Amino acid sequence: MGKTAQLAAVGDAVAFDLNYGPQTGTVIAIQRHVSNAQQFALVEIDHQLNSIVESIPLLGLQLLEAA
């Protein structure tokens, strides 16, 4: 894994943990929470059906190294 993804951008490959284990995916959007202004990434998860998206806090992401 690479650096913390505080500066993640749309199209970046990222890794993160969910209740059911570590996952990887691609950032498809960055949004800000309305009530607390925390930034979240909408991440399309790899290795699952198309269009499975999770909202993950930016502080919970790790940028993956480019090949």
PDB file of N, CA and C in Angstrom:
ATOM      1  N   MET A   1       0.826  -1.185   0.000  1.00  0.00           N
ATOM      2  CA  MET A   1       0.000   0.000   0.000  1.00  0.00           C
ATOM      3  C   MET A   1       0.865   1.242   0.000  1.00  0.00           C
ATOM      4  N   GLY A   2       0.265   2.321  -0.446  1.00  0.00           N
ATOM      5  CA  GLY A   2       1.005   3.565  -0.551  1.00  0.00           C
ATOM      6  C   GLY A   2       0.619   4.555   0.520  1.00  0.00           C
ATOM      7  N   LYS A   3       0.571   5.819   0.119  1.00  0.00           N
ATOM      8  CA  LYS A   3       0.320   6.915   1.050  1.00  0.00           C
ATOM      9  C   LYS A   3      -1.161   7.025   1.412  1.00  0.00           C
ATOM     10  N   THR A   4      -1.421   7.701   2.537  1.00  0.00           N
ATOM     11  CA  THR A   4      -2.794   8.022   2.902  1.00  0.00           C
ATOM     12  C   THR A   4      -3.389   8.895   1.808  1.00  0.00           C
ATOM     13  N   ALA A   5      -4.639   8.668   1.502  1.00  0.00           N
ATOM     14  CA  ALA A   5      -5.253   9.284   0.329  1.00  0.00           C
ATOM     15  C   ALA A   5      -5.966  10.596   0.625  1.00  0.00           C
ATOM     16  N   GLN A   6      -5.397  11.460   1.462  1.00  0.00           N
ATOM     17  CA  GLN A   6      -6.025  12.759   1.727  1.00  0.00           C
ATOM     18  C   GLN A   6      -6.116  13.591   0.457  1.00  0.00           C
ATOM     19  N   LEU A   7      -5.237  13.347  -0.486  1.00  0.00           N
ATOM     20  CA  LEU A   7      -5.232  14.093  -1.737  1.00  0.00           C
ATOM     21  C   LEU A   7      -5.700  13.222  -2.891  1.00  0.00           C
ATOM     22  N   ALA A   8      -6.571  12.251  -2.606  1.00  0.00           N
ATOM     23  CA  ALA A   8      -7.082  11.369  -3.649  1.00  0.00           C
ATOM     24  C   ALA A   8      -7.854  12.185  -4.679  1.00  0.00           C
ATOM     25  N   ALA A   9      -7.789  11.722  -5.910  1.00  0.00           N
ATOM     26  CA  ALA A   9      -8.497  12.381  -7.006  1.00  0.00           C
ATOM     27  C   ALA A   9      -9.319  11.342  -7.762  1.00  0.00           C
ATOM     28  N   VAL A  10     -10.275  11.808  -8.520  1.00  0.00           N
ATOM     29  CA  VAL A  10     -11.095  10.917  -9.337  1.00  0.00           C
ATOM     30  C   VAL A  10     -10.172  10.121 -10.266  1.00  0.00           C
ATOM     31  N   GLY A  11     -10.395   8.812 -10.305  1.00  0.00           N
ATOM     32  CA  GLY A  11      -9.596   7.931 -11.152  1.00  0.00           C
ATOM     33  C   GLY A  11      -8.457   7.236 -10.423  1.00  0.00           C
ATOM     34  N   ASP A  12      -8.147   7.648  -9.182  1.00  0.00           N
ATOM     35  CA  ASP A  12      -7.067   7.017  -8.415  1.00  0.00           C
ATOM     36  C   ASP A  12      -7.465   5.620  -7.957  1.00  0.00           C
ATOM     37  N   ALA A  13      -6.499   4.710  -7.981  1.00  0.00           N
ATOM     38  CA  ALA A  13      -6.682   3.361  -7.422  1.00  0.00           C
ATOM     39  C   ALA A  13      -6.391   3.439  -5.932  1.00  0.00           C
ATOM     40  N   VAL A  14      -7.289   2.881  -5.107  1.00  0.00           N
ATOM     41  CA  VAL A  14      -7.157   2.970  -3.661  1.00  0.00           C
ATOM     42  C   VAL A  14      -7.435   1.613  -3.013  1.00  0.00           C
ATOM     43  N   ALA A  15      -6.978   1.475  -1.772  1.00  0.00           N
ATOM     44  CA  ALA A  15      -7.263   0.313  -0.944  1.00  0.00           C
ATOM     45  C   ALA A  15      -7.894   0.813   0.351  1.00  0.00           C
ATOM     46  N   PHE A  16      -8.749  -0.028   0.952  1.00  0.00           N
ATOM     47  CA  PHE A  16      -9.434   0.350   2.182  1.00  0.00           C
ATOM     48  C   PHE A  16      -9.984  -0.904   2.834  1.00  0.00           C
ATOM     49  N   ASP A  17     -10.340  -0.808   4.106  1.00  0.00           N
ATOM     50  CA  ASP A  17     -10.905  -1.931   4.850  1.00  0.00           C
ATOM     51  C   ASP A  17     -12.387  -1.712   5.082  1.00  0.00           C
ATOM     52  N   LEU A  18     -13.162  -2.779   4.920  1.00  0.00           N
ATOM     53  CA  LEU A  18     -14.578  -2.782   5.251  1.00  0.00           C
ATOM     54  C   LEU A  18     -14.818  -3.855   6.298  1.00  0.00           C
ATOM     55  N   ASN A  19     -16.029  -3.951   6.794  1.00  0.00           N
ATOM     56  CA  ASN A  19     -16.345  -4.957   7.800  1.00  0.00           C
ATOM     57  C   ASN A  19     -16.054  -6.371   7.320  1.00  0.00           C
ATOM     58  N   TYR A  20     -16.114  -6.610   6.021  1.00  0.00           N
ATOM     59  CA  TYR A  20     -15.901  -7.945   5.472  1.00  0.00           C
ATOM     60  C   TYR A  20     -14.533  -8.109   4.815  1.00  0.00           C
ATOM     61  N   GLY A  21     -13.588  -7.243   5.157  1.00  0.00           N
ATOM     62  CA  GLY A  21     -12.209  -7.432   4.727  1.00  0.00           C
ATOM     63  C   GLY A  21     -11.677  -6.320   3.850  1.00  0.00           C
ATOM     64  N   PRO A  22     -10.375  -6.411   3.533  1.00  0.00           N
ATOM     65  CA  PRO A  22      -9.733  -5.384   2.706  1.00  0.00           C
ATOM     66  C   PRO A  22     -10.279  -5.409   1.276  1.00  0.00           C
ATOM     67  N   GLN A  23     -10.386  -4.218   0.691  1.00  0.00           N
ATOM     68  CA  GLN A  23     -10.919  -4.060  -0.662  1.00  0.00           C
ATOM     69  C   GLN A  23     -10.033  -3.097  -1.443  1.00  0.00           C
ATOM     70  N   THR A  24     -10.144  -3.155  -2.758  1.00  0.00           N
ATOM     71  CA  THR A  24      -9.514  -2.168  -3.635  1.00  0.00           C
ATOM     72  C   THR A  24     -10.578  -1.645  -4.587  1.00  0.00           C
ATOM     73  N   GLY A  25     -10.319  -0.466  -5.127  1.00  0.00           N
ATOM     74  CA  GLY A  25     -11.266   0.105  -6.064  1.00  0.00           C
ATOM     75  C   GLY A  25     -10.739   1.380  -6.689  1.00  0.00           C
ATOM     76  N   THR A  26     -11.621   2.058  -7.395  1.00  0.00           N
ATOM     77  CA  THR A  26     -11.285   3.292  -8.104  1.00  0.00           C
ATOM     78  C   THR A  26     -12.203   4.409  -7.629  1.00  0.00           C
ATOM     79  N   VAL A  27     -11.604   5.556  -7.318  1.00  0.00           N
ATOM     80  CA  VAL A  27     -12.377   6.715  -6.884  1.00  0.00           C
ATOM     81  C   VAL A  27     -13.167   7.244  -8.083  1.00  0.00           C
ATOM     82  N   ILE A  28     -14.494   7.386  -7.896  1.00  0.00           N
ATOM     83  CA  ILE A  28     -15.325   7.922  -8.980  1.00  0.00           C
ATOM     84  C   ILE A  28     -15.857   9.316  -8.665  1.00  0.00           C
ATOM     85  N   ALA A  29     -15.757   9.733  -7.401  1.00  0.00           N
ATOM     86  CA  ALA A  29     -16.179  11.089  -7.016  1.00  0.00           C
ATOM     87  C   ALA A  29     -15.676  11.391  -5.613  1.00  0.00           C
ATOM     88  N   ILE A  30     -15.500  12.672  -5.332  1.00  0.00           N
ATOM     89  CA  ILE A  30     -15.163  13.147  -3.983  1.00  0.00           C
ATOM     90  C   ILE A  30     -16.309  14.055  -3.550  1.00  0.00           C
ATOM     91  N   GLN A  31     -16.845  13.797  -2.339  1.00  0.00           N
ATOM     92  CA  GLN A  31     -17.946  14.611  -1.841  1.00  0.00           C
ATOM     93  C   GLN A  31     -17.660  15.050  -0.420  1.00  0.00           C
ATOM     94  N   ARG A  32     -18.328  16.099  -0.002  1.00  0.00           N
ATOM     95  CA  ARG A  32     -18.190  16.626   1.357  1.00  0.00           C
ATOM     96  C   ARG A  32     -19.511  16.387   2.094  1.00  0.00           C
ATOM     97  N   HIS A  33     -19.418  15.850   3.322  1.00  0.00           N
ATOM     98  CA  HIS A  33     -20.604  15.605   4.146  1.00  0.00           C
ATOM     99  C   HIS A  33     -21.268  16.931   4.473  1.00  0.00           C
ATOM    100  N   VAL A  34     -22.582  16.992   4.402  1.00  0.00           N
ATOM    101  CA  VAL A  34     -23.317  18.246   4.579  1.00  0.00           C
ATOM    102  C   VAL A  34     -23.198  18.787   6.005  1.00  0.00           C
ATOM    103  N   SER A  35     -23.310  17.923   7.016  1.00  0.00           N
ATOM    104  CA  SER A  35     -23.359  18.433   8.392  1.00  0.00           C
ATOM    105  C   SER A  35     -22.001  18.626   9.053  1.00  0.00           C
ATOM    106  N   ASN A  36     -20.987  17.811   8.687  1.00  0.00           N
ATOM    107  CA  ASN A  36     -19.702  17.945   9.380  1.00  0.00           C
ATOM    108  C   ASN A  36     -18.527  18.290   8.462  1.00  0.00           C
ATOM    109  N   ALA A  37     -18.769  18.464   7.186  1.00  0.00           N
ATOM    110  CA  ALA A  37     -17.771  18.873   6.191  1.00  0.00           C
ATOM    111  C   ALA A  37     -16.651  17.868   5.982  1.00  0.00           C
ATOM    112  N   GLN A  38     -16.775  16.634   6.497  1.00  0.00           N
ATOM    113  CA  GLN A  38     -15.759  15.605   6.250  1.00  0.00           C
ATOM    114  C   GLN A  38     -15.846  15.168   4.794  1.00  0.00           C
ATOM    115  N   GLN A  39     -14.684  14.941   4.173  1.00  0.00           N
ATOM    116  CA  GLN A  39     -14.660  14.523   2.782  1.00  0.00           C
ATOM    117  C   GLN A  39     -14.731  13.000   2.676  1.00  0.00           C
ATOM    118  N   PHE A  40     -15.519  12.540   1.706  1.00  0.00           N
ATOM    119  CA  PHE A  40     -15.692  11.125   1.424  1.00  0.00           C
ATOM    120  C   PHE A  40     -15.406  10.875  -0.044  1.00  0.00           C
ATOM    121  N   ALA A  41     -14.878   9.693  -0.331  1.00  0.00           N
ATOM    122  CA  ALA A  41     -14.687   9.267  -1.716  1.00  0.00           C
ATOM    123  C   ALA A  41     -15.741   8.220  -2.036  1.00  0.00           C
ATOM    124  N   LEU A  42     -16.365   8.354  -3.183  1.00  0.00           N
ATOM    125  CA  LEU A  42     -17.207   7.285  -3.699  1.00  0.00           C
ATOM    126  C   LEU A  42     -16.291   6.381  -4.498  1.00  0.00           C
ATOM    127  N   VAL A  43     -16.202   5.116  -4.078  1.00  0.00           N
ATOM    128  CA  VAL A  43     -15.238   4.182  -4.655  1.00  0.00           C
ATOM    129  C   VAL A  43     -15.977   3.016  -5.284  1.00  0.00           C
ATOM    130  N   GLU A  44     -15.723   2.776  -6.581  1.00  0.00           N
ATOM    131  CA  GLU A  44     -16.259   1.589  -7.246  1.00  0.00           C
ATOM    132  C   GLU A  44     -15.330   0.436  -6.919  1.00  0.00           C
ATOM    133  N   ILE A  45     -15.874  -0.598  -6.286  1.00  0.00           N
ATOM    134  CA  ILE A  45     -15.067  -1.710  -5.780  1.00  0.00           C
ATOM    135  C   ILE A  45     -14.672  -2.640  -6.920  1.00  0.00           C
ATOM    136  N   ASP A  46     -13.397  -3.055  -6.931  1.00  0.00           N
ATOM    137  CA  ASP A  46     -12.892  -4.038  -7.893  1.00  0.00           C
ATOM    138  C   ASP A  46     -13.395  -5.428  -7.513  1.00  0.00           C
ATOM    139  N   HIS A  47     -13.428  -6.317  -8.478  1.00  0.00           N
ATOM    140  CA  HIS A  47     -13.713  -7.739  -8.254  1.00  0.00           C
ATOM    141  C   HIS A  47     -15.115  -8.005  -7.757  1.00  0.00           C
ATOM    142  N   GLN A  48     -16.060  -7.152  -8.078  1.00  0.00           N
ATOM    143  CA  GLN A  48     -17.463  -7.402  -7.759  1.00  0.00           C
ATOM    144  C   GLN A  48     -18.297  -7.022  -8.965  1.00  0.00           C
ATOM    145  N   LEU A  49     -19.589  -7.184  -8.829  1.00  0.00           N
ATOM    146  CA  LEU A  49     -20.472  -6.791  -9.916  1.00  0.00           C
ATOM    147  C   LEU A  49     -20.270  -5.316 -10.243  1.00  0.00           C
ATOM    148  N   ASN A  50     -20.492  -4.960 -11.486  1.00  0.00           N
ATOM    149  CA  ASN A  50     -20.343  -3.568 -11.900  1.00  0.00           C
ATOM    150  C   ASN A  50     -21.218  -2.650 -11.058  1.00  0.00           C
ATOM    151  N   SER A  51     -20.726  -1.467 -10.822  1.00  0.00           N
ATOM    152  CA  SER A  51     -21.450  -0.386 -10.150  1.00  0.00           C
ATOM    153  C   SER A  51     -21.671  -0.603  -8.655  1.00  0.00           C
ATOM    154  N   ILE A  52     -20.901  -1.468  -8.001  1.00  0.00           N
ATOM    155  CA  ILE A  52     -20.954  -1.568  -6.547  1.00  0.00           C
ATOM    156  C   ILE A  52     -20.091  -0.436  -6.011  1.00  0.00           C
ATOM    157  N   VAL A  53     -20.702   0.499  -5.273  1.00  0.00           N
ATOM    158  CA  VAL A  53     -20.019   1.708  -4.820  1.00  0.00           C
ATOM    159  C   VAL A  53     -20.120   1.802  -3.298  1.00  0.00           C
ATOM    160  N   GLU A  54     -19.028   2.186  -2.665  1.00  0.00           N
ATOM    161  CA  GLU A  54     -18.989   2.438  -1.218  1.00  0.00           C
ATOM    162  C   GLU A  54     -18.557   3.883  -0.997  1.00  0.00           C
ATOM    163  N   SER A  55     -19.093   4.516   0.034  1.00  0.00           N
ATOM    164  CA  SER A  55     -18.674   5.850   0.445  1.00  0.00           C
ATOM    165  C   SER A  55     -17.681   5.676   1.594  1.00  0.00           C
ATOM    166  N   ILE A  56     -16.435   6.076   1.374  1.00  0.00           N
ATOM    167  CA  ILE A  56     -15.351   5.856   2.329  1.00  0.00           C
ATOM    168  C   ILE A  56     -14.731   7.200   2.708  1.00  0.00           C
ATOM    169  N   PRO A  57     -14.545   7.477   4.007  1.00  0.00           N
ATOM    170  CA  PRO A  57     -13.845   8.718   4.390  1.00  0.00           C
ATOM    171  C   PRO A  57     -12.436   8.740   3.777  1.00  0.00           C
ATOM    172  N   LEU A  58     -12.009   9.905   3.321  1.00  0.00           N
ATOM    173  CA  LEU A  58     -10.680  10.003   2.704  1.00  0.00           C
ATOM    174  C   LEU A  58      -9.574   9.523   3.637  1.00  0.00           C
ATOM    175  N   LEU A  59      -9.744   9.749   4.942  1.00  0.00           N
ATOM    176  CA  LEU A  59      -8.716   9.318   5.887  1.00  0.00           C
ATOM    177  C   LEU A  59      -8.622   7.801   5.991  1.00  0.00           C
ATOM    178  N   GLY A  60      -9.618   7.067   5.489  1.00  0.00           N
ATOM    179  CA  GLY A  60      -9.617   5.613   5.531  1.00  0.00           C
ATOM    180  C   GLY A  60      -9.072   4.964   4.272  1.00  0.00           C
ATOM    181  N   LEU A  61      -8.594   5.772   3.331  1.00  0.00           N
ATOM    182  CA  LEU A  61      -8.078   5.242   2.064  1.00  0.00           C
ATOM    183  C   LEU A  61      -6.557   5.237   2.024  1.00  0.00           C
ATOM    184  N   GLN A  62      -6.021   4.307   1.268  1.00  0.00           N
ATOM    185  CA  GLN A  62      -4.582   4.284   0.958  1.00  0.00           C
ATOM    186  C   GLN A  62      -4.460   4.305  -0.564  1.00  0.00           C
ATOM    187  N   LEU A  63      -3.630   5.205  -1.091  1.00  0.00           N
ATOM    188  CA  LEU A  63      -3.386   5.231  -2.530  1.00  0.00           C
ATOM    189  C   LEU A  63      -2.531   4.028  -2.910  1.00  0.00           C
ATOM    190  N   LEU A  64      -2.888   3.355  -4.004  1.00  0.00           N
ATOM    191  CA  LEU A  64      -2.089   2.240  -4.485  1.00  0.00           C
ATOM    192  C   LEU A  64      -1.003   2.772  -5.426  1.00  0.00           C
ATOM    193  N   GLU A  65       0.142   2.126  -5.381  1.00  0.00           N
ATOM    194  CA  GLU A  65       1.260   2.521  -6.242  1.00  0.00           C
ATOM    195  C   GLU A  65       0.929   2.206  -7.691  1.00  0.00           C
ATOM    196  N   ALA A  66       1.321   3.082  -8.591  1.00  0.00           N
ATOM    197  CA  ALA A  66       1.128   2.839 -10.025  1.00  0.00           C
ATOM    198  C   ALA A  66       2.103   1.761 -10.473  1.00  0.00           C
ATOM    199  N   ALA A  67       1.636   0.891 -11.376  1.00  0.00           N
ATOM    200  CA  ALA A  67       2.468  -0.220 -11.857  1.00  0.00           C
ATOM    201  C   ALA A  67       3.547   0.252 -12.787  1.00  0.00           C
TER     202      ALA A  67
END
